[in-house]
Amino acid sequence: MLTFRGGVHLHEAKGSTRHKPVATPPLPAKVFIPMSQHIGVPSNPVVEKGTEVRTGTVIGEPGGRVSVPTHSSVSGKVTDIAELPHPLAGGKVTTVVIESDGSDTPDDSIQERPTADLKPGDIVDAVRQAGIVGMGGAAFPTFFKLSPPEDKPIETLIINGCECEPYLTADHRVMLEQPDGVIEGTGYIARALGVKSVVLGIEDNKPDAVEEMSRAAAKAGFTVLRLRTKYPQGAEKQLIQACLNREVPSGGLPMDVRCVVQNVGTAVAVRDAVRFGRPLYGRVVTVTGPAVNEPKNLLVRIGTPVRNLVEACGGYSGTPAKLIMGGPMMGIAVSTDEVPVLKGTSGVLVLDEKTAAQLEDRDCIRCGNCIKVCPMGLAPQRLYYHSRKRLLDRAEDEHVLDCIECGCCAYVCPAKIRLVHHFRFAKSEIAAMKKP
């Protein structure tokens, strides 16, 4: 069975939502759309308080070379442009607040168009104008990944259908309910890159998705690979290793081994943009956890407050102890359910007191478990020592910057040391030192 070195086998906890079709909750009365939703430079607002907008209207233009536009997710009126809390930035960012008129009137630019004669540049432009970013969580502008340098030709496109984080089932449902959409979008991505082969990687804990996607992929001549279920199989470098037995070099990118990786949700968004002219203003989100009454997969609008999603799932079950945007391994804990859904929000996880309990960390006992499971082949034990002692040069020499923050090391640590916290600190300090 195809796999990668290292990694851990986790309790999946997907049973409460894996068989639930995607539901559509009522339109939010108000959305809060941050201008910062992707890696790179945030968008710049191009609307003012009082501006009337439609669903899909551009409300923020790209702020730089690595940036994308931002669109309204409802029709209505801009009621405020303010600095508001952001679920991932750790502070406040410029946010456009729009009050919905309830009509969901689409922007005039959203129209189906012929695609047979589109050139690669046309597809890249459509993806850029639609504001599409990686929907697996990283939120890197998709058009940029579709525009590799001439000296790095891409041979293989890998579509990521692993969804290895516990609890999350949004991508699983997308593959089951929109397999043809995934394949059509994949075709446009492949055409833009000019690749020789296309591979879809899906973990073997999703046999129904493997079957459904294999049927759809066969029509296009794409290959579906069944991968061993192991975390973090969905990480780019581990997926490349499992599918193609290629190793991305330290500090490198998938394009360095002639690959590009895209998420299944991103492929559907590309289909929507290229064929229908529809920008990215909504996505599927798994809302789940022991402190949610009725976990669901929801198709929600970007900017919808998390509290609306929880209400659509019957509200909280008891007193929530921790709210996480994403999965339990790589997600980010937030302090309030007032924060909005972003383009990269794959899940909302609500934990109760028992599940969220954090054991007190103790001294490292040098067992070496962290070294065995690190999917990047690092020595977390040594990186922890260097980071804790602020020996940043030594930490960098031992490749702390290659850490993908998957949390495998902390998961197996018998001393319960918050290893990823230390590595994030070291990486941020190193980045700060290198700033001009």
Protein backbone atom coordinates (compact mmCIF):
# COMPACT_ATOMS: atom_id res chain seq x y z
CA MET A 1 0.00 0.00 0.00
CA LEU A 2 1.36 3.44 -0.94
CA THR A 3 2.47 5.60 1.98
CA PHE A 4 5.29 7.77 3.37
CA ARG A 5 7.83 7.40 6.15
CA GLY A 6 6.91 8.41 9.69
CA GLY A 7 3.46 9.62 10.66
CA VAL A 8 0.90 8.33 13.15
CA HIS A 9 -2.38 6.41 13.15
CA LEU A 10 -5.08 8.53 14.78
CA HIS A 11 -8.59 7.88 16.02
CA GLU A 12 -10.53 9.19 13.02
CA ALA A 13 -13.68 10.44 14.81
CA LYS A 14 -15.36 11.00 11.42
CA GLY A 15 -18.41 8.82 12.02
CA SER A 16 -20.78 11.62 13.00
CA THR A 17 -20.55 13.38 9.61
CA ARG A 18 -18.99 11.07 7.00
CA HIS A 19 -22.40 9.80 5.82
CA LYS A 20 -24.22 13.13 6.03
CA PRO A 21 -24.85 14.90 2.71
CA VAL A 22 -23.87 18.55 2.50
CA ALA A 23 -26.68 20.80 3.79
CA THR A 24 -27.24 24.47 3.00
CA PRO A 25 -28.15 26.66 5.99
CA PRO A 26 -30.12 29.91 5.65
CA LEU A 27 -28.25 32.93 4.28
CA PRO A 28 -26.58 34.89 7.09
CA ALA A 29 -28.17 38.26 7.88
CA LYS A 30 -24.71 39.80 7.96
CA VAL A 31 -21.28 38.66 6.77
CA PHE A 32 -17.83 39.78 7.93
CA ILE A 33 -15.35 39.38 5.08
CA PRO A 34 -11.67 39.90 5.98
CA MET A 35 -9.34 41.30 3.33
CA SER A 36 -6.68 38.88 4.60
CA GLN A 37 -7.69 35.31 3.71
CA HIS A 38 -4.66 33.97 1.92
CA ILE A 39 -0.88 33.66 2.10
CA GLY A 40 0.67 36.79 0.63
CA VAL A 41 -0.50 40.40 0.53
CA PRO A 42 -4.08 41.12 1.71
CA SER A 43 -6.68 42.59 -0.64
CA ASN A 44 -7.39 46.32 -0.61
CA PRO A 45 -11.06 47.34 -0.12
CA VAL A 46 -12.64 48.97 -3.18
CA VAL A 47 -16.05 49.62 -1.60
CA GLU A 48 -17.25 52.18 0.91
CA LYS A 49 -19.82 52.25 3.65
CA GLY A 50 -23.22 52.37 1.92
CA THR A 51 -22.07 50.64 -1.30
CA GLU A 52 -24.68 48.29 -2.76
CA VAL A 53 -23.19 44.92 -3.77
CA ARG A 54 -24.36 41.67 -5.31
CA THR A 55 -23.28 38.11 -4.64
CA GLY A 56 -19.89 37.80 -6.30
CA THR A 57 -19.15 41.53 -6.60
CA VAL A 58 -15.48 42.43 -6.13
CA ILE A 59 -15.07 44.21 -2.77
CA GLY A 60 -11.27 43.94 -2.52
CA GLU A 61 -8.58 44.10 -5.21
CA PRO A 62 -5.23 42.28 -5.05
CA GLY A 63 -2.74 44.14 -2.88
CA GLY A 64 0.38 42.82 -4.57
CA ARG A 65 1.92 40.18 -6.82
CA VAL A 66 1.01 37.29 -4.51
CA SER A 67 -2.56 38.34 -3.78
CA VAL A 68 -6.09 37.75 -5.06
CA PRO A 69 -9.34 39.73 -5.11
CA THR A 70 -12.04 39.26 -2.50
CA HIS A 71 -15.75 39.07 -3.34
CA SER A 72 -19.03 39.66 -1.59
CA SER A 73 -20.71 36.42 -0.51
CA VAL A 74 -24.22 37.94 -0.34
CA SER A 75 -26.15 40.73 -2.01
CA GLY A 76 -26.90 43.76 0.11
CA LYS A 77 -25.24 46.88 1.51
CA VAL A 78 -21.80 47.52 2.98
CA THR A 79 -22.49 48.71 6.52
CA ASP A 80 -18.93 49.05 7.81
CA ILE A 81 -15.25 48.67 7.00
CA ALA A 82 -13.42 48.11 10.24
CA GLU A 83 -10.54 46.39 12.00
CA LEU A 84 -12.14 43.22 13.41
CA PRO A 85 -10.89 39.97 14.99
CA HIS A 86 -9.45 37.42 12.56
CA PRO A 87 -9.55 33.68 13.34
CA LEU A 88 -5.97 33.02 12.21
CA ALA A 89 -4.04 36.30 12.29
CA GLY A 90 -3.96 36.56 16.07
CA GLY A 91 -5.29 40.09 15.97
CA LYS A 92 -7.55 42.40 13.99
CA VAL A 93 -7.57 42.90 10.22
CA THR A 94 -9.48 45.10 7.78
CA THR A 95 -12.92 43.56 7.34
CA VAL A 96 -15.84 44.50 5.10
CA VAL A 97 -19.21 44.07 6.82
CA ILE A 98 -22.20 43.47 4.51
CA GLU A 99 -25.84 43.33 5.53
CA SER A 100 -27.72 40.85 3.34
CA ASP A 101 -30.91 41.89 1.54
CA GLY A 102 -31.99 38.24 1.45
CA SER A 103 -32.33 38.12 -2.34
CA ASP A 104 -28.89 36.60 -3.11
CA THR A 105 -28.81 38.47 -6.44
CA PRO A 106 -25.75 37.34 -8.43
CA ASP A 107 -23.28 39.77 -9.98
CA ASP A 108 -23.67 40.28 -13.74
CA SER A 109 -20.23 38.74 -14.31
CA ILE A 110 -21.43 35.28 -13.21
CA GLN A 111 -22.37 33.63 -16.49
CA GLU A 112 -21.66 30.27 -18.09
CA ARG A 113 -19.21 30.42 -20.97
CA PRO A 114 -17.67 28.03 -23.53
CA THR A 115 -14.41 26.45 -22.39
CA ALA A 116 -13.25 24.23 -25.27
CA ASP A 117 -10.94 26.84 -26.80
CA LEU A 118 -9.56 28.35 -23.59
CA LYS A 119 -5.78 28.71 -23.55
CA PRO A 120 -3.70 28.08 -20.40
CA GLY A 121 -3.39 31.82 -19.79
CA ASP A 122 -7.17 32.23 -19.99
CA ILE A 123 -7.64 29.60 -17.29
CA VAL A 124 -5.04 31.18 -15.02
CA ASP A 125 -6.69 34.59 -15.45
CA ALA A 126 -10.12 33.17 -14.59
CA VAL A 127 -8.72 31.51 -11.47
CA ARG A 128 -7.01 34.75 -10.42
CA GLN A 129 -10.08 36.90 -10.98
CA ALA A 130 -12.20 34.43 -8.98
CA GLY A 131 -9.97 34.87 -5.92
CA ILE A 132 -9.34 31.13 -5.57
CA VAL A 133 -6.89 29.94 -2.94
CA GLY A 134 -5.95 26.47 -1.70
CA MET A 135 -8.98 25.17 0.16
CA GLY A 136 -7.19 22.42 2.04
CA GLY A 137 -6.15 24.94 4.69
CA ALA A 138 -2.94 26.56 3.42
CA ALA A 139 -4.85 29.19 1.37
CA PHE A 140 -2.02 29.85 -1.09
CA PRO A 141 -3.24 31.78 -4.18
CA THR A 142 -4.05 29.11 -6.75
CA PHE A 143 -3.18 31.18 -9.84
CA PHE A 144 0.40 31.45 -8.56
CA LYS A 145 0.75 27.65 -8.37
CA LEU A 146 -0.57 27.48 -11.93
CA SER A 147 2.17 29.85 -13.13
CA PRO A 148 5.47 28.02 -12.49
CA PRO A 149 8.77 29.47 -13.79
CA GLU A 150 9.77 28.37 -17.28
CA ASP A 151 12.80 26.53 -15.89
CA LYS A 152 10.56 24.35 -13.68
CA PRO A 153 8.18 22.53 -16.04
CA ILE A 154 5.46 20.54 -14.29
CA GLU A 155 5.00 16.89 -15.28
CA THR A 156 2.44 15.65 -12.75
CA LEU A 157 -0.63 17.16 -11.13
CA ILE A 158 -1.69 15.52 -7.86
CA ILE A 159 -5.22 16.12 -6.57
CA ASN A 160 -5.38 15.74 -2.80
CA GLY A 161 -8.41 13.81 -1.55
CA CYS A 162 -6.82 12.45 1.62
CA GLU A 163 -8.43 14.64 4.32
CA CYS A 164 -6.28 12.96 6.98
CA GLU A 165 -7.25 15.21 9.92
CA PRO A 166 -9.62 13.58 12.44
CA TYR A 167 -13.25 14.77 12.49
CA LEU A 168 -13.19 16.52 9.07
CA THR A 169 -15.29 15.10 6.22
CA ALA A 170 -15.90 18.10 3.94
CA ASP A 171 -13.59 16.88 1.15
CA HIS A 172 -15.00 13.36 1.47
CA ARG A 173 -18.51 14.65 0.82
CA VAL A 174 -17.31 16.83 -2.09
CA MET A 175 -15.85 13.74 -3.76
CA LEU A 176 -19.06 11.76 -3.23
CA GLU A 177 -21.47 14.50 -4.27
CA GLN A 178 -19.49 16.35 -6.96
CA PRO A 179 -17.10 13.82 -8.53
CA ASP A 180 -17.65 15.16 -12.04
CA GLY A 181 -17.06 18.71 -10.81
CA VAL A 182 -13.76 17.64 -9.24
CA ILE A 183 -12.68 16.00 -12.49
CA GLU A 184 -13.77 18.92 -14.70
CA GLY A 185 -11.88 21.38 -12.51
CA THR A 186 -8.88 19.06 -12.48
CA GLY A 187 -8.94 19.06 -16.27
CA TYR A 188 -8.72 22.85 -16.37
CA ILE A 189 -5.82 22.84 -13.89
CA ALA A 190 -4.03 20.18 -15.95
CA ARG A 191 -4.57 22.22 -19.13
CA ALA A 192 -3.20 25.36 -17.48
CA LEU A 193 -0.06 23.51 -16.35
CA GLY A 194 0.39 21.42 -19.50
CA VAL A 195 1.06 18.27 -17.44
CA LYS A 196 1.70 14.77 -18.76
CA SER A 197 -0.15 12.91 -16.02
CA VAL A 198 -2.82 13.50 -13.37
CA VAL A 199 -3.09 11.51 -10.14
CA LEU A 200 -5.79 11.65 -7.45
CA GLY A 201 -4.63 10.43 -4.03
CA ILE A 202 -7.33 9.19 -1.63
CA GLU A 203 -6.83 7.37 1.69
CA ASP A 204 -8.22 3.84 1.93
CA ASN A 205 -10.59 4.80 4.77
CA LYS A 206 -12.80 6.34 2.04
CA PRO A 207 -13.59 3.36 -0.21
CA ASP A 208 -16.81 4.97 -1.46
CA ALA A 209 -14.88 8.06 -2.55
CA VAL A 210 -12.24 5.91 -4.24
CA GLU A 211 -14.97 4.12 -6.19
CA GLU A 212 -16.85 7.29 -7.14
CA MET A 213 -13.75 9.22 -8.16
CA SER A 214 -12.34 6.24 -10.09
CA ARG A 215 -15.52 6.15 -12.16
CA ALA A 216 -15.34 9.86 -12.93
CA ALA A 217 -11.56 9.90 -13.47
CA ALA A 218 -11.64 7.04 -15.97
CA LYS A 219 -13.54 9.22 -18.45
CA ALA A 220 -10.73 11.79 -18.41
CA GLY A 221 -7.81 9.34 -18.36
CA PHE A 222 -6.75 10.30 -14.83
CA THR A 223 -5.42 7.83 -12.26
CA VAL A 224 -6.82 7.32 -8.75
CA LEU A 225 -4.36 5.96 -6.17
CA ARG A 226 -5.58 4.32 -2.96
CA LEU A 227 -3.22 5.39 -0.15
CA ARG A 228 -2.70 3.90 3.28
CA THR A 229 -4.61 5.79 5.96
CA LYS A 230 -2.02 7.57 8.06
CA TYR A 231 -1.60 11.13 9.29
CA PRO A 232 -0.37 13.49 7.75
CA GLN A 233 -0.92 11.81 4.39
CA GLY A 234 -2.62 14.97 3.10
CA ALA A 235 0.48 17.15 3.56
CA GLU A 236 1.95 18.09 0.17
CA LYS A 237 5.41 16.62 0.62
CA GLN A 238 4.12 13.38 2.13
CA LEU A 239 1.51 13.03 -0.62
CA ILE A 240 4.18 13.45 -3.29
CA GLN A 241 6.36 10.87 -1.57
CA ALA A 242 3.51 8.37 -1.37
CA CYS A 243 2.19 8.88 -4.91
CA LEU A 244 5.42 9.37 -6.88
CA ASN A 245 8.26 8.35 -4.53
CA ARG A 246 9.84 11.79 -5.00
CA GLU A 247 11.29 13.81 -2.14
CA VAL A 248 10.91 17.59 -2.13
CA PRO A 249 14.31 19.03 -1.14
CA SER A 250 14.84 20.95 2.09
CA GLY A 251 13.50 24.47 1.64
CA GLY A 252 12.05 23.48 -1.71
CA LEU A 253 8.60 23.35 -3.27
CA PRO A 254 6.68 20.63 -5.14
CA MET A 255 7.63 22.31 -8.42
CA ASP A 256 11.26 21.38 -7.63
CA VAL A 257 10.26 17.74 -8.27
CA ARG A 258 8.04 18.68 -11.22
CA CYS A 259 4.75 18.45 -9.31
CA VAL A 260 1.82 20.64 -8.34
CA VAL A 261 -0.67 19.59 -5.64
CA GLN A 262 -4.24 20.89 -5.44
CA ASN A 263 -7.12 20.04 -3.11
CA VAL A 264 -10.39 18.47 -4.36
CA GLY A 265 -12.38 21.48 -3.11
CA THR A 266 -10.03 23.78 -5.00
CA ALA A 267 -10.64 21.77 -8.17
CA VAL A 268 -14.40 22.34 -7.86
CA ALA A 269 -13.81 26.05 -7.28
CA VAL A 270 -11.70 26.16 -10.45
CA ARG A 271 -14.54 24.49 -12.37
CA ASP A 272 -16.98 27.10 -11.04
CA ALA A 273 -14.66 29.96 -11.99
CA VAL A 274 -13.64 28.79 -15.47
CA ARG A 275 -16.99 27.49 -16.68
CA PHE A 276 -19.48 29.63 -14.79
CA GLY A 277 -17.48 32.78 -13.97
CA ARG A 278 -18.33 32.19 -10.31
CA PRO A 279 -15.82 33.57 -7.78
CA LEU A 280 -14.94 31.84 -4.54
CA TYR A 281 -17.52 33.11 -2.05
CA GLY A 282 -18.65 29.84 -0.44
CA ARG A 283 -17.32 26.46 0.60
CA VAL A 284 -18.14 23.20 2.37
CA VAL A 285 -17.30 23.18 6.08
CA THR A 286 -17.56 20.31 8.58
CA VAL A 287 -19.07 21.50 11.88
CA THR A 288 -18.53 18.80 14.46
CA GLY A 289 -17.21 17.75 17.85
CA PRO A 290 -18.56 16.39 21.13
CA ALA A 291 -19.94 19.81 22.11
CA VAL A 292 -22.16 20.19 18.99
CA ASN A 293 -25.73 18.85 19.13
CA GLU A 294 -26.01 17.73 15.50
CA PRO A 295 -22.72 17.66 13.57
CA LYS A 296 -23.10 18.41 9.84
CA ASN A 297 -21.33 19.23 6.61
CA LEU A 298 -22.53 22.67 5.51
CA LEU A 299 -22.20 24.71 2.32
CA VAL A 300 -21.65 28.17 3.79
CA ARG A 301 -20.84 31.66 2.57
CA ILE A 302 -17.44 33.18 3.27
CA GLY A 303 -17.72 35.67 6.12
CA THR A 304 -20.49 33.79 7.96
CA PRO A 305 -19.91 33.98 11.73
CA VAL A 306 -19.04 30.62 13.27
CA ARG A 307 -21.94 31.01 15.72
CA ASN A 308 -24.35 30.79 12.74
CA LEU A 309 -22.86 27.45 11.75
CA VAL A 310 -23.22 26.07 15.26
CA GLU A 311 -26.84 27.27 15.38
CA ALA A 312 -27.49 25.45 12.09
CA CYS A 313 -26.24 22.31 13.85
CA GLY A 314 -28.65 22.59 16.76
CA GLY A 315 -26.42 24.73 18.95
CA TYR A 316 -23.91 23.74 21.59
CA SER A 317 -24.25 20.55 23.58
CA GLY A 318 -23.43 21.66 27.09
CA THR A 319 -20.63 24.14 27.69
CA PRO A 320 -17.98 24.28 24.94
CA ALA A 321 -14.41 24.23 26.25
CA LYS A 322 -12.46 24.85 23.05
CA LEU A 323 -13.36 26.10 19.57
CA ILE A 324 -10.97 25.16 16.76
CA MET A 325 -10.93 26.38 13.16
CA GLY A 326 -9.79 23.28 11.27
CA GLY A 327 -8.91 19.88 12.67
CA PRO A 328 -7.52 18.92 16.08
CA MET A 329 -3.94 18.42 14.85
CA MET A 330 -3.24 21.54 12.77
CA GLY A 331 -6.26 23.73 13.46
CA ILE A 332 -6.14 27.05 15.33
CA ALA A 333 -8.04 27.59 18.58
CA VAL A 334 -10.10 30.80 18.66
CA SER A 335 -11.49 32.69 21.62
CA THR A 336 -14.92 33.56 20.21
CA ASP A 337 -17.56 32.22 17.82
CA GLU A 338 -17.97 35.72 16.39
CA VAL A 339 -15.06 35.12 13.97
CA PRO A 340 -16.00 34.41 10.33
CA VAL A 341 -15.52 31.47 8.00
CA LEU A 342 -12.60 32.03 5.61
CA LYS A 343 -11.77 30.58 2.19
CA GLY A 344 -9.43 28.11 3.89
CA THR A 345 -11.82 27.02 6.67
CA SER A 346 -12.35 23.29 6.21
CA GLY A 347 -13.90 22.65 9.60
CA VAL A 348 -15.17 24.02 12.89
CA LEU A 349 -14.46 21.71 15.80
CA VAL A 350 -16.08 22.24 19.20
CA LEU A 351 -14.62 20.28 22.11
CA ASP A 352 -16.06 19.69 25.55
CA GLU A 353 -14.10 19.83 28.83
CA LYS A 354 -13.12 16.16 28.73
CA THR A 355 -11.88 16.18 25.13
CA ALA A 356 -10.10 19.50 25.44
CA ALA A 357 -8.27 18.61 28.66
CA GLN A 358 -4.57 19.43 28.34
CA LEU A 359 -2.20 17.38 30.50
CA GLU A 360 0.65 19.22 32.21
CA ASP A 361 3.89 18.81 30.31
CA ARG A 362 6.95 17.31 31.98
CA ASP A 363 10.66 17.03 31.22
CA CYS A 364 11.75 15.26 28.03
CA ILE A 365 12.77 11.65 28.80
CA ARG A 366 14.68 11.22 25.50
CA CYS A 367 12.60 8.23 24.42
CA GLY A 368 13.03 9.06 20.71
CA ASN A 369 9.36 8.50 19.85
CA CYS A 370 9.17 11.94 18.20
CA ILE A 371 12.05 11.09 15.88
CA LYS A 372 10.37 7.86 14.74
CA VAL A 373 7.13 9.55 13.70
CA CYS A 374 8.39 12.83 12.22
CA PRO A 375 7.31 12.69 8.54
CA MET A 376 10.05 15.18 7.62
CA GLY A 377 12.86 13.11 9.12
CA LEU A 378 13.73 15.76 11.71
CA ALA A 379 14.89 15.35 15.31
CA PRO A 380 12.13 17.13 17.31
CA GLN A 381 13.89 16.32 20.58
CA ARG A 382 16.94 18.38 19.56
CA LEU A 383 14.85 21.13 17.95
CA TYR A 384 12.92 21.45 21.22
CA TYR A 385 16.15 21.95 23.17
CA HIS A 386 17.47 24.56 20.74
CA SER A 387 14.15 26.41 20.57
CA ARG A 388 13.66 26.43 24.34
CA LYS A 389 17.19 27.77 24.86
CA ARG A 390 16.74 30.30 22.03
CA LEU A 391 19.64 28.77 20.13
CA LEU A 392 18.02 29.81 16.89
CA ASP A 393 21.07 29.34 14.65
CA ARG A 394 21.35 25.73 15.80
CA ALA A 395 17.63 25.18 15.33
CA GLU A 396 17.86 26.51 11.77
CA ASP A 397 20.92 24.35 11.06
CA GLU A 398 18.86 21.32 12.10
CA HIS A 399 16.07 22.34 9.70
CA VAL A 400 13.39 23.67 12.03
CA LEU A 401 12.13 25.65 9.02
CA ASP A 402 11.28 22.33 7.33
CA CYS A 403 8.85 21.46 10.15
CA ILE A 404 5.31 21.26 8.71
CA GLU A 405 3.76 21.67 12.19
CA CYS A 406 1.73 18.48 11.82
CA GLY A 407 1.88 17.71 15.55
CA CYS A 408 2.88 14.03 15.22
CA CYS A 409 5.77 14.57 17.65
CA ALA A 410 3.57 16.14 20.32
CA TYR A 411 0.94 13.43 19.83
CA VAL A 412 3.34 10.60 20.74
CA CYS A 413 5.33 12.50 23.40
CA PRO A 414 4.88 10.71 26.78
CA ALA A 415 5.93 13.92 28.55
CA LYS A 416 3.11 15.81 26.75
CA ILE A 417 5.47 18.61 25.71
CA ARG A 418 3.84 21.18 23.40
CA LEU A 419 6.57 20.71 20.82
CA VAL A 420 4.88 22.48 17.91
CA HIS A 421 4.47 25.63 20.03
CA HIS A 422 8.24 25.77 20.50
CA PHE A 423 8.92 25.19 16.81
CA ARG A 424 6.47 27.89 15.74
CA PHE A 425 8.19 30.29 18.13
CA ALA A 426 11.61 29.45 16.71
CA LYS A 427 10.42 29.82 13.12
CA SER A 428 8.81 33.18 13.83
CA GLU A 429 11.96 34.44 15.57
CA ILE A 430 14.16 33.31 12.70
CA ALA A 431 11.86 35.03 10.20
CA ALA A 432 11.95 38.22 12.28
CA MET A 433 15.76 38.18 12.32
CA LYS A 434 15.89 37.87 8.55
CA LYS A 435 13.53 40.77 7.90
CA PRO A 436 15.34 43.71 6.24
